[in-house]
């Protein structure tokens, strides 16, 4: 169509020709998708739940990018197609958008001056594997309650050629620190994301033991007696750490030309974690360090 159009107009300037070529490229994906999608398929999509839509879009992005993270600090990380947790989040992971504010914190000094990354609630190993593969930490210790998740981490560590640097454990409990020497603990960054279990795990004994480490926590506010548990945690943590918030970062989708033919809804659903509210990440900084403010 483009070539046929040009043949009928021989007096187009080089600048205009270049602009026309760019526009043809810009719209080609959207036109192709529109032409190749029958109405009955569109009707099926219109009846999807939000979760089903996120899952479908995530699968499409996974196939398009062949399961390899293409942007951000973990660029080059290979994700497993078989995920037990967070399947709808794979698109945002592949584009470097997933929990972007947390990821940037984990990839920045002074945290990266530590050697060990302890991932409590490691899911499929996105952080536990990715941060080691990208060279931010020398070793990773992944605690994951799901046996399927544990196996996925081990398999994906092999795929990303970092298996010798990854140790996988089962559920984290109050005896977790028995797996490490005090020197290892002091040389660690800890991420805690266990869907409300943080209030049971992060006892004063735990916090005292890890007071030389950096600890990042996702706070889950849908547990019973949340305010009491949360304020109790903050009071206990304040004895050993400077407490800071990890502030949200705006997601810019304009740079992802791969998404030009996605609908507005589908593009922005990639940024969603499907949570009921804006989540809170805390950063606990050792009192031996300078406050991050």
C-alpha atoms as a PDB file:
ATOM      1  CA  UNK A   1       0.000   0.000   0.000  1.00  0.00           C
ATOM      2  CA  UNK A   2       2.784   2.434   0.929  1.00  0.00           C
ATOM      3  CA  UNK A   3       4.833   1.660  -2.186  1.00  0.00           C
ATOM      4  CA  UNK A   4       1.749   1.947  -4.390  1.00  0.00           C
ATOM      5  CA  UNK A   5       0.961   5.332  -2.872  1.00  0.00           C
ATOM      6  CA  UNK A   6       4.475   6.610  -3.563  1.00  0.00           C
ATOM      7  CA  UNK A   7       4.461   5.491  -7.199  1.00  0.00           C
ATOM      8  CA  UNK A   8       1.568   7.844  -7.890  1.00  0.00           C
ATOM      9  CA  UNK A   9       3.446  10.820  -6.412  1.00  0.00           C
ATOM     10  CA  UNK A  10       6.896  11.413  -7.815  1.00  0.00           C
ATOM     11  CA  UNK A  11       7.451  14.938  -6.455  1.00  0.00           C
ATOM     12  CA  UNK A  12       7.688  14.117  -2.722  1.00  0.00           C
ATOM     13  CA  UNK A  13      10.659  15.699  -0.960  1.00  0.00           C
ATOM     14  CA  UNK A  14      13.163  13.469   0.891  1.00  0.00           C
ATOM     15  CA  UNK A  15      12.114  14.928   4.263  1.00  0.00           C
ATOM     16  CA  UNK A  16       8.452  14.247   3.636  1.00  0.00           C
ATOM     17  CA  UNK A  17       9.267  10.783   2.308  1.00  0.00           C
ATOM     18  CA  UNK A  18      11.135  10.014   5.508  1.00  0.00           C
ATOM     19  CA  UNK A  19       8.210  11.285   7.607  1.00  0.00           C
ATOM     20  CA  UNK A  20       5.731   9.184   5.618  1.00  0.00           C
ATOM     21  CA  UNK A  21       7.900   6.125   6.116  1.00  0.00           C
ATOM     22  CA  UNK A  22       8.011   6.702   9.866  1.00  0.00           C
ATOM     23  CA  UNK A  23       4.238   7.087  10.011  1.00  0.00           C
ATOM     24  CA  UNK A  24       3.748   3.913   8.005  1.00  0.00           C
ATOM     25  CA  UNK A  25       5.905   2.075  10.512  1.00  0.00           C
ATOM     26  CA  UNK A  26       4.098   3.689  13.470  1.00  0.00           C
ATOM     27  CA  UNK A  27       0.645   2.529  12.345  1.00  0.00           C
ATOM     28  CA  UNK A  28       1.606  -0.812  10.789  1.00  0.00           C
ATOM     29  CA  UNK A  29       1.227  -2.870  13.969  1.00  0.00           C
ATOM     30  CA  UNK A  30      -2.151  -1.393  14.891  1.00  0.00           C
ATOM     31  CA  UNK A  31      -3.503  -1.866  11.363  1.00  0.00           C
ATOM     32  CA  UNK A  32      -2.238  -5.428  11.219  1.00  0.00           C
ATOM     33  CA  UNK A  33      -3.795  -6.263  14.588  1.00  0.00           C
ATOM     34  CA  UNK A  34      -7.115  -4.708  13.553  1.00  0.00           C
ATOM     35  CA  UNK A  35      -7.208  -6.574  10.260  1.00  0.00           C
ATOM     36  CA  UNK A  36      -6.287  -9.919  11.839  1.00  0.00           C
ATOM     37  CA  UNK A  37      -8.716  -9.817  14.756  1.00  0.00           C
ATOM     38  CA  UNK A  38     -12.237 -11.034  13.874  1.00  0.00           C
ATOM     39  CA  UNK A  39     -15.274  -9.528  15.580  1.00  0.00           C
ATOM     40  CA  UNK A  40     -16.140 -12.693  17.506  1.00  0.00           C
ATOM     41  CA  UNK A  41     -12.680 -12.635  19.108  1.00  0.00           C
ATOM     42  CA  UNK A  42     -13.151  -8.985  20.050  1.00  0.00           C
ATOM     43  CA  UNK A  43     -16.445  -9.837  21.718  1.00  0.00           C
ATOM     44  CA  UNK A  44     -14.738 -12.542  23.801  1.00  0.00           C
ATOM     45  CA  UNK A  45     -12.097 -10.032  24.908  1.00  0.00           C
ATOM     46  CA  UNK A  46     -14.758  -7.500  25.905  1.00  0.00           C
ATOM     47  CA  UNK A  47     -16.211 -10.025  28.348  1.00  0.00           C
ATOM     48  CA  UNK A  48     -12.900 -10.772  30.076  1.00  0.00           C
ATOM     49  CA  UNK A  49     -12.394 -10.047  33.755  1.00  0.00           C
ATOM     50  CA  UNK A  50      -9.571  -7.646  34.562  1.00  0.00           C
ATOM     51  CA  UNK A  51      -7.478 -10.567  35.829  1.00  0.00           C
ATOM     52  CA  UNK A  52      -8.051 -12.524  32.607  1.00  0.00           C
ATOM     53  CA  UNK A  53      -7.096  -9.479  30.573  1.00  0.00           C
ATOM     54  CA  UNK A  54      -3.887  -8.941  32.552  1.00  0.00           C
ATOM     55  CA  UNK A  55      -3.017 -12.603  32.136  1.00  0.00           C
ATOM     56  CA  UNK A  56      -3.596 -12.519  28.373  1.00  0.00           C
ATOM     57  CA  UNK A  57      -1.629  -9.312  27.852  1.00  0.00           C
ATOM     58  CA  UNK A  58       1.210 -10.621  29.990  1.00  0.00           C
ATOM     59  CA  UNK A  59       1.371 -13.823  27.945  1.00  0.00           C
ATOM     60  CA  UNK A  60       1.465 -11.823  24.704  1.00  0.00           C
ATOM     61  CA  UNK A  61       4.335  -9.659  25.949  1.00  0.00           C
ATOM     62  CA  UNK A  62       6.161 -12.773  27.189  1.00  0.00           C
ATOM     63  CA  UNK A  63       5.946 -14.358  23.737  1.00  0.00           C
ATOM     64  CA  UNK A  64       6.894 -11.120  21.990  1.00  0.00           C
ATOM     65  CA  UNK A  65      10.013 -10.675  24.150  1.00  0.00           C
ATOM     66  CA  UNK A  66      10.780 -14.417  24.288  1.00  0.00           C
ATOM     67  CA  UNK A  67      10.747 -14.303  28.067  1.00  0.00           C
ATOM     68  CA  UNK A  68      13.832 -12.073  28.299  1.00  0.00           C
ATOM     69  CA  UNK A  69      13.788  -8.825  30.284  1.00  0.00           C
ATOM     70  CA  UNK A  70      14.448  -6.059  27.768  1.00  0.00           C
ATOM     71  CA  UNK A  71      14.686  -2.962  29.951  1.00  0.00           C
ATOM     72  CA  UNK A  72      15.948  -1.781  33.312  1.00  0.00           C
ATOM     73  CA  UNK A  73      18.635  -3.009  35.713  1.00  0.00           C
ATOM     74  CA  UNK A  74      17.756  -6.694  35.188  1.00  0.00           C
ATOM     75  CA  UNK A  75      17.988  -6.551  31.388  1.00  0.00           C
ATOM     76  CA  UNK A  76      18.892  -9.968  29.991  1.00  0.00           C
ATOM     77  CA  UNK A  77      17.229 -11.964  32.777  1.00  0.00           C
ATOM     78  CA  UNK A  78      15.326 -14.970  31.432  1.00  0.00           C
ATOM     79  CA  UNK A  79      11.976 -15.606  33.073  1.00  0.00           C
ATOM     80  CA  UNK A  80      10.358 -19.010  33.358  1.00  0.00           C
ATOM     81  CA  UNK A  81       7.205 -19.526  31.319  1.00  0.00           C
ATOM     82  CA  UNK A  82       5.815 -21.699  34.116  1.00  0.00           C
ATOM     83  CA  UNK A  83       5.154 -19.381  37.042  1.00  0.00           C
ATOM     84  CA  UNK A  84       3.367 -20.358  40.215  1.00  0.00           C
ATOM     85  CA  UNK A  85       3.093 -16.735  41.356  1.00  0.00           C
ATOM     86  CA  UNK A  86       2.624 -13.443  39.537  1.00  0.00           C
ATOM     87  CA  UNK A  87       1.864 -14.701  36.023  1.00  0.00           C
ATOM     88  CA  UNK A  88      -0.057 -11.473  35.204  1.00  0.00           C
ATOM     89  CA  UNK A  89       2.998  -9.464  36.324  1.00  0.00           C
ATOM     90  CA  UNK A  90       5.388 -10.915  33.755  1.00  0.00           C
ATOM     91  CA  UNK A  91       4.769  -8.174  31.218  1.00  0.00           C
ATOM     92  CA  UNK A  92       5.803  -5.481  33.697  1.00  0.00           C
ATOM     93  CA  UNK A  93       8.839  -7.550  34.716  1.00  0.00           C
ATOM     94  CA  UNK A  94       9.956  -7.938  31.091  1.00  0.00           C
ATOM     95  CA  UNK A  95       9.643  -4.193  30.552  1.00  0.00           C
ATOM     96  CA  UNK A  96      11.457  -3.290  33.779  1.00  0.00           C
ATOM     97  CA  UNK A  97       8.331  -1.707  35.261  1.00  0.00           C
ATOM     98  CA  UNK A  98       7.523  -4.192  38.009  1.00  0.00           C
ATOM     99  CA  UNK A  99       7.887  -2.609  41.472  1.00  0.00           C
ATOM    100  CA  UNK A 100      10.205  -0.147  39.786  1.00  0.00           C
ATOM    101  CA  UNK A 101      10.750   1.976  42.881  1.00  0.00           C
ATOM    102  CA  UNK A 102      11.787  -1.089  44.882  1.00  0.00           C
ATOM    103  CA  UNK A 103      14.039  -2.384  42.107  1.00  0.00           C
ATOM    104  CA  UNK A 104      15.856   0.942  41.799  1.00  0.00           C
ATOM    105  CA  UNK A 105      16.424   0.977  45.556  1.00  0.00           C
ATOM    106  CA  UNK A 106      17.846  -2.549  45.511  1.00  0.00           C
ATOM    107  CA  UNK A 107      20.199  -1.620  42.664  1.00  0.00           C
ATOM    108  CA  UNK A 108      21.590   1.523  44.279  1.00  0.00           C
ATOM    109  CA  UNK A 109      24.337   2.256  46.788  1.00  0.00           C
ATOM    110  CA  UNK A 110      24.712   1.890  49.705  1.00  0.00           C
ATOM    111  CA  UNK A 111      22.643  -1.305  49.461  1.00  0.00           C
ATOM    112  CA  UNK A 112      24.772  -2.739  46.650  1.00  0.00           C
ATOM    113  CA  UNK A 113      27.856  -2.418  48.845  1.00  0.00           C
ATOM    114  CA  UNK A 114      26.533  -5.505  50.645  1.00  0.00           C
ATOM    115  CA  UNK A 115      27.415  -8.935  49.240  1.00  0.00           C
ATOM    116  CA  UNK A 116      24.327 -10.985  50.089  1.00  0.00           C
ATOM    117  CA  UNK A 117      20.694 -10.668  49.094  1.00  0.00           C
ATOM    118  CA  UNK A 118      18.172 -12.489  51.289  1.00  0.00           C
ATOM    119  CA  UNK A 119      14.808 -12.787  49.535  1.00  0.00           C
ATOM    120  CA  UNK A 120      11.990 -13.761  51.909  1.00  0.00           C
ATOM    121  CA  UNK A 121       8.955 -14.612  49.798  1.00  0.00           C
ATOM    122  CA  UNK A 122      11.014 -15.168  46.657  1.00  0.00           C
ATOM    123  CA  UNK A 123       8.121 -16.420  44.463  1.00  0.00           C
ATOM    124  CA  UNK A 124       9.721 -17.384  41.113  1.00  0.00           C
ATOM    125  CA  UNK A 125      13.056 -15.706  41.832  1.00  0.00           C
ATOM    126  CA  UNK A 126      12.699 -12.448  39.881  1.00  0.00           C
ATOM    127  CA  UNK A 127      14.769 -10.540  42.434  1.00  0.00           C
ATOM    128  CA  UNK A 128      16.732 -13.432  43.898  1.00  0.00           C
ATOM    129  CA  UNK A 129      18.065 -14.513  40.516  1.00  0.00           C
ATOM    130  CA  UNK A 130      17.977 -11.204  38.662  1.00  0.00           C
ATOM    131  CA  UNK A 131      19.996  -9.155  41.134  1.00  0.00           C
ATOM    132  CA  UNK A 132      22.779 -11.747  41.191  1.00  0.00           C
ATOM    133  CA  UNK A 133      22.736 -12.241  37.411  1.00  0.00           C
ATOM    134  CA  UNK A 134      23.050  -8.479  36.919  1.00  0.00           C
ATOM    135  CA  UNK A 135      25.988  -8.316  39.327  1.00  0.00           C
ATOM    136  CA  UNK A 136      24.427  -6.249  42.090  1.00  0.00           C
ATOM    137  CA  UNK A 137      25.003  -8.953  44.734  1.00  0.00           C
ATOM    138  CA  UNK A 138      27.380 -11.896  44.905  1.00  0.00           C
ATOM    139  CA  UNK A 139      24.997 -14.407  46.476  1.00  0.00           C
ATOM    140  CA  UNK A 140      21.271 -14.784  46.924  1.00  0.00           C
ATOM    141  CA  UNK A 141      19.348 -16.758  49.539  1.00  0.00           C
ATOM    142  CA  UNK A 142      15.745 -17.385  48.512  1.00  0.00           C
ATOM    143  CA  UNK A 143      13.056 -18.380  51.018  1.00  0.00           C
ATOM    144  CA  UNK A 144       9.878 -19.614  49.348  1.00  0.00           C
ATOM    145  CA  UNK A 145       7.007 -21.507  50.984  1.00  0.00           C
ATOM    146  CA  UNK A 146       5.776 -23.122  47.746  1.00  0.00           C
ATOM    147  CA  UNK A 147       7.548 -26.262  46.571  1.00  0.00           C
ATOM    148  CA  UNK A 148       6.669 -25.344  42.985  1.00  0.00           C
ATOM    149  CA  UNK A 149       8.185 -21.918  43.546  1.00  0.00           C
ATOM    150  CA  UNK A 150      11.344 -23.475  44.988  1.00  0.00           C
ATOM    151  CA  UNK A 151      11.709 -25.722  41.936  1.00  0.00           C
ATOM    152  CA  UNK A 152      11.089 -22.802  39.579  1.00  0.00           C
ATOM    153  CA  UNK A 153      13.827 -20.771  41.269  1.00  0.00           C
ATOM    154  CA  UNK A 154      16.307 -23.644  40.990  1.00  0.00           C
ATOM    155  CA  UNK A 155      15.475 -24.247  37.335  1.00  0.00           C
ATOM    156  CA  UNK A 156      15.624 -20.568  36.411  1.00  0.00           C
ATOM    157  CA  UNK A 157      18.900 -20.121  38.269  1.00  0.00           C
ATOM    158  CA  UNK A 158      20.330 -22.831  35.998  1.00  0.00           C
ATOM    159  CA  UNK A 159      18.897 -21.163  32.893  1.00  0.00           C
ATOM    160  CA  UNK A 160      20.485 -17.846  33.910  1.00  0.00           C
ATOM    161  CA  UNK A 161      23.801 -19.547  34.811  1.00  0.00           C
ATOM    162  CA  UNK A 162      23.877 -18.403  38.438  1.00  0.00           C
ATOM    163  CA  UNK A 163      22.895 -21.643  40.186  1.00  0.00           C
ATOM    164  CA  UNK A 164      26.150 -21.743  42.156  1.00  0.00           C
ATOM    165  CA  UNK A 165      25.311 -18.335  43.657  1.00  0.00           C
ATOM    166  CA  UNK A 166      21.708 -19.130  44.634  1.00  0.00           C
ATOM    167  CA  UNK A 167      20.585 -21.079  47.704  1.00  0.00           C
ATOM    168  CA  UNK A 168      16.908 -22.019  48.003  1.00  0.00           C
ATOM    169  CA  UNK A 169      15.108 -22.635  51.289  1.00  0.00           C
ATOM    170  CA  UNK A 170      11.509 -23.379  52.235  1.00  0.00           C
ATOM    171  CA  UNK A 171       9.307 -21.245  54.465  1.00  0.00           C
ATOM    172  CA  UNK A 172      10.994 -18.510  56.497  1.00  0.00           C
ATOM    173  CA  UNK A 173      10.305 -18.542  60.236  1.00  0.00           C
ATOM    174  CA  UNK A 174      11.805 -17.216  63.454  1.00  0.00           C
ATOM    175  CA  UNK A 175      14.762 -19.627  63.102  1.00  0.00           C
ATOM    176  CA  UNK A 176      15.759 -18.162  59.732  1.00  0.00           C
ATOM    177  CA  UNK A 177      18.888 -16.480  61.041  1.00  0.00           C
ATOM    178  CA  UNK A 178      20.296 -19.856  62.121  1.00  0.00           C
ATOM    179  CA  UNK A 179      21.127 -20.411  58.436  1.00  0.00           C
ATOM    180  CA  UNK A 180      23.681 -17.595  58.492  1.00  0.00           C
ATOM    181  CA  UNK A 181      26.717 -16.440  60.409  1.00  0.00           C
ATOM    182  CA  UNK A 182      26.512 -13.000  61.966  1.00  0.00           C
ATOM    183  CA  UNK A 183      29.075 -11.769  59.448  1.00  0.00           C
ATOM    184  CA  UNK A 184      26.836 -12.926  56.592  1.00  0.00           C
ATOM    185  CA  UNK A 185      23.818 -11.197  58.120  1.00  0.00           C
ATOM    186  CA  UNK A 186      25.732  -7.953  58.580  1.00  0.00           C
ATOM    187  CA  UNK A 187      26.740  -8.088  54.906  1.00  0.00           C
ATOM    188  CA  UNK A 188      23.180  -8.516  53.628  1.00  0.00           C
ATOM    189  CA  UNK A 189      20.195  -6.763  52.118  1.00  0.00           C
ATOM    190  CA  UNK A 190      16.877  -8.386  53.059  1.00  0.00           C
ATOM    191  CA  UNK A 191      13.620  -8.175  51.124  1.00  0.00           C
ATOM    192  CA  UNK A 192      10.449  -9.299  52.930  1.00  0.00           C
ATOM    193  CA  UNK A 193       7.302  -9.812  50.836  1.00  0.00           C
ATOM    194  CA  UNK A 194       5.142 -12.503  52.451  1.00  0.00           C
ATOM    195  CA  UNK A 195       1.561 -11.282  52.125  1.00  0.00           C
ATOM    196  CA  UNK A 196       1.026 -10.173  55.730  1.00  0.00           C
ATOM    197  CA  UNK A 197       3.389 -12.661  57.350  1.00  0.00           C
ATOM    198  CA  UNK A 198       5.875  -9.837  57.906  1.00  0.00           C
ATOM    199  CA  UNK A 199       4.208  -9.000  61.226  1.00  0.00           C
ATOM    200  CA  UNK A 200       4.902 -12.470  62.601  1.00  0.00           C
ATOM    201  CA  UNK A 201       8.389 -12.864  61.134  1.00  0.00           C
ATOM    202  CA  UNK A 202       9.875  -9.493  62.010  1.00  0.00           C
ATOM    203  CA  UNK A 203      10.015  -9.897  65.767  1.00  0.00           C
ATOM    204  CA  UNK A 204      12.253  -7.761  67.929  1.00  0.00           C
ATOM    205  CA  UNK A 205      14.723 -10.677  68.121  1.00  0.00           C
ATOM    206  CA  UNK A 206      14.857 -10.802  64.313  1.00  0.00           C
ATOM    207  CA  UNK A 207      15.342  -7.048  64.006  1.00  0.00           C
ATOM    208  CA  UNK A 208      18.060  -7.013  66.632  1.00  0.00           C
ATOM    209  CA  UNK A 209      19.890  -9.839  64.857  1.00  0.00           C
ATOM    210  CA  UNK A 210      19.663  -8.071  61.477  1.00  0.00           C
ATOM    211  CA  UNK A 211      20.343  -4.526  62.722  1.00  0.00           C
ATOM    212  CA  UNK A 212      23.442  -4.150  60.512  1.00  0.00           C
ATOM    213  CA  UNK A 213      21.546  -5.215  57.371  1.00  0.00           C
ATOM    214  CA  UNK A 214      19.287  -3.167  55.109  1.00  0.00           C
ATOM    215  CA  UNK A 215      15.711  -4.457  55.193  1.00  0.00           C
ATOM    216  CA  UNK A 216      12.980  -3.682  52.668  1.00  0.00           C
ATOM    217  CA  UNK A 217       9.410  -4.687  53.504  1.00  0.00           C
ATOM    218  CA  UNK A 218       6.180  -4.673  51.534  1.00  0.00           C
ATOM    219  CA  UNK A 219       3.440  -3.890  54.040  1.00  0.00           C
ATOM    220  CA  UNK A 220       0.149  -5.742  53.539  1.00  0.00           C
ATOM    221  CA  UNK A 221      -2.708  -3.888  55.192  1.00  0.00           C
ATOM    222  CA  UNK A 222      -5.465  -6.506  54.810  1.00  0.00           C
ATOM    223  CA  UNK A 223      -4.493  -8.597  57.818  1.00  0.00           C
ATOM    224  CA  UNK A 224      -6.605  -8.625  60.992  1.00  0.00           C
ATOM    225  CA  UNK A 225      -5.696  -5.953  63.563  1.00  0.00           C
ATOM    226  CA  UNK A 226      -3.473  -4.272  60.985  1.00  0.00           C
ATOM    227  CA  UNK A 227      -2.917  -0.940  62.721  1.00  0.00           C
ATOM    228  CA  UNK A 228      -1.882  -2.542  66.000  1.00  0.00           C
ATOM    229  CA  UNK A 229       0.510  -4.940  64.249  1.00  0.00           C
ATOM    230  CA  UNK A 230       1.931  -2.249  61.977  1.00  0.00           C
ATOM    231  CA  UNK A 231       2.611   0.281  64.704  1.00  0.00           C
ATOM    232  CA  UNK A 232       4.124  -2.430  66.884  1.00  0.00           C
ATOM    233  CA  UNK A 233       6.481  -3.301  64.022  1.00  0.00           C
ATOM    234  CA  UNK A 234       7.420   0.342  63.508  1.00  0.00           C
ATOM    235  CA  UNK A 235       8.169   0.838  67.192  1.00  0.00           C
ATOM    236  CA  UNK A 236      10.334  -2.286  67.352  1.00  0.00           C
ATOM    237  CA  UNK A 237      12.178  -1.380  64.129  1.00  0.00           C
ATOM    238  CA  UNK A 238      12.846   2.174  65.313  1.00  0.00           C
ATOM    239  CA  UNK A 239      15.108   0.817  68.068  1.00  0.00           C
ATOM    240  CA  UNK A 240      17.605  -0.492  65.539  1.00  0.00           C
ATOM    241  CA  UNK A 241      16.931   1.299  62.237  1.00  0.00           C
ATOM    242  CA  UNK A 242      16.173   4.597  60.607  1.00  0.00           C
ATOM    243  CA  UNK A 243      12.782   4.008  58.964  1.00  0.00           C
ATOM    244  CA  UNK A 244      12.129   5.366  55.504  1.00  0.00           C
ATOM    245  CA  UNK A 245       9.456   5.008  52.834  1.00  0.00           C
ATOM    246  CA  UNK A 246      10.175   3.893  49.288  1.00  0.00           C
ATOM    247  CA  UNK A 247       8.194   6.405  47.276  1.00  0.00           C
ATOM    248  CA  UNK A 248       6.264   5.347  44.150  1.00  0.00           C
ATOM    249  CA  UNK A 249       7.726   6.121  40.715  1.00  0.00           C
ATOM    250  CA  UNK A 250       5.599   7.125  37.719  1.00  0.00           C
ATOM    251  CA  UNK A 251       5.671   4.611  34.859  1.00  0.00           C
ATOM    252  CA  UNK A 252       6.439   6.017  31.397  1.00  0.00           C
ATOM    253  CA  UNK A 253       5.077   3.771  28.659  1.00  0.00           C
ATOM    254  CA  UNK A 254       5.920   6.044  25.730  1.00  0.00           C
ATOM    255  CA  UNK A 255       9.378   4.530  25.224  1.00  0.00           C
ATOM    256  CA  UNK A 256       8.049   1.016  24.586  1.00  0.00           C
ATOM    257  CA  UNK A 257       7.445   1.005  20.845  1.00  0.00           C
ATOM    258  CA  UNK A 258       6.635  -2.707  21.134  1.00  0.00           C
ATOM    259  CA  UNK A 259       3.337  -1.653  22.714  1.00  0.00           C
ATOM    260  CA  UNK A 260       2.241   0.823  20.040  1.00  0.00           C
ATOM    261  CA  UNK A 261      -0.439  -1.516  18.717  1.00  0.00           C
ATOM    262  CA  UNK A 262      -1.775  -2.380  22.189  1.00  0.00           C
ATOM    263  CA  UNK A 263      -4.969  -0.650  23.284  1.00  0.00           C
ATOM    264  CA  UNK A 264      -4.676   2.104  25.903  1.00  0.00           C
ATOM    265  CA  UNK A 265      -6.368  -0.168  28.450  1.00  0.00           C
ATOM    266  CA  UNK A 266      -3.977  -3.032  27.808  1.00  0.00           C
ATOM    267  CA  UNK A 267      -0.862  -0.868  27.944  1.00  0.00           C
ATOM    268  CA  UNK A 268      -1.751   0.612  31.291  1.00  0.00           C
ATOM    269  CA  UNK A 269      -2.943  -2.689  32.745  1.00  0.00           C
ATOM    270  CA  UNK A 270       0.672  -3.821  32.368  1.00  0.00           C
ATOM    271  CA  UNK A 271       1.532  -1.381  35.177  1.00  0.00           C
ATOM    272  CA  UNK A 272      -1.081  -2.864  37.512  1.00  0.00           C
ATOM    273  CA  UNK A 273      -0.271  -5.391  40.223  1.00  0.00           C
ATOM    274  CA  UNK A 274      -3.967  -5.952  40.841  1.00  0.00           C
ATOM    275  CA  UNK A 275      -3.682  -4.710  44.416  1.00  0.00           C
ATOM    276  CA  UNK A 276      -6.636  -3.172  46.312  1.00  0.00           C
ATOM    277  CA  UNK A 277      -4.744   0.042  47.111  1.00  0.00           C
ATOM    278  CA  UNK A 278      -1.376   1.768  46.731  1.00  0.00           C
ATOM    279  CA  UNK A 279       1.135  -0.446  48.493  1.00  0.00           C
ATOM    280  CA  UNK A 280       3.670   0.735  51.055  1.00  0.00           C
ATOM    281  CA  UNK A 281       7.313  -0.312  50.915  1.00  0.00           C
ATOM    282  CA  UNK A 282       9.462   0.430  53.946  1.00  0.00           C
ATOM    283  CA  UNK A 283      13.220   0.697  53.955  1.00  0.00           C
ATOM    284  CA  UNK A 284      14.987   0.029  57.239  1.00  0.00           C
ATOM    285  CA  UNK A 285      18.452   1.579  57.301  1.00  0.00           C
ATOM    286  CA  UNK A 286      20.961   0.453  59.954  1.00  0.00           C
ATOM    287  CA  UNK A 287      21.575   3.102  62.581  1.00  0.00           C
ATOM    288  CA  UNK A 288      25.265   2.608  61.946  1.00  0.00           C
ATOM    289  CA  UNK A 289      24.648   4.159  58.498  1.00  0.00           C
ATOM    290  CA  UNK A 290      23.622   7.679  57.618  1.00  0.00           C
ATOM    291  CA  UNK A 291      19.877   8.285  57.285  1.00  0.00           C
ATOM    292  CA  UNK A 292      18.767   8.109  53.647  1.00  0.00           C
ATOM    293  CA  UNK A 293      16.815  11.349  53.878  1.00  0.00           C
END
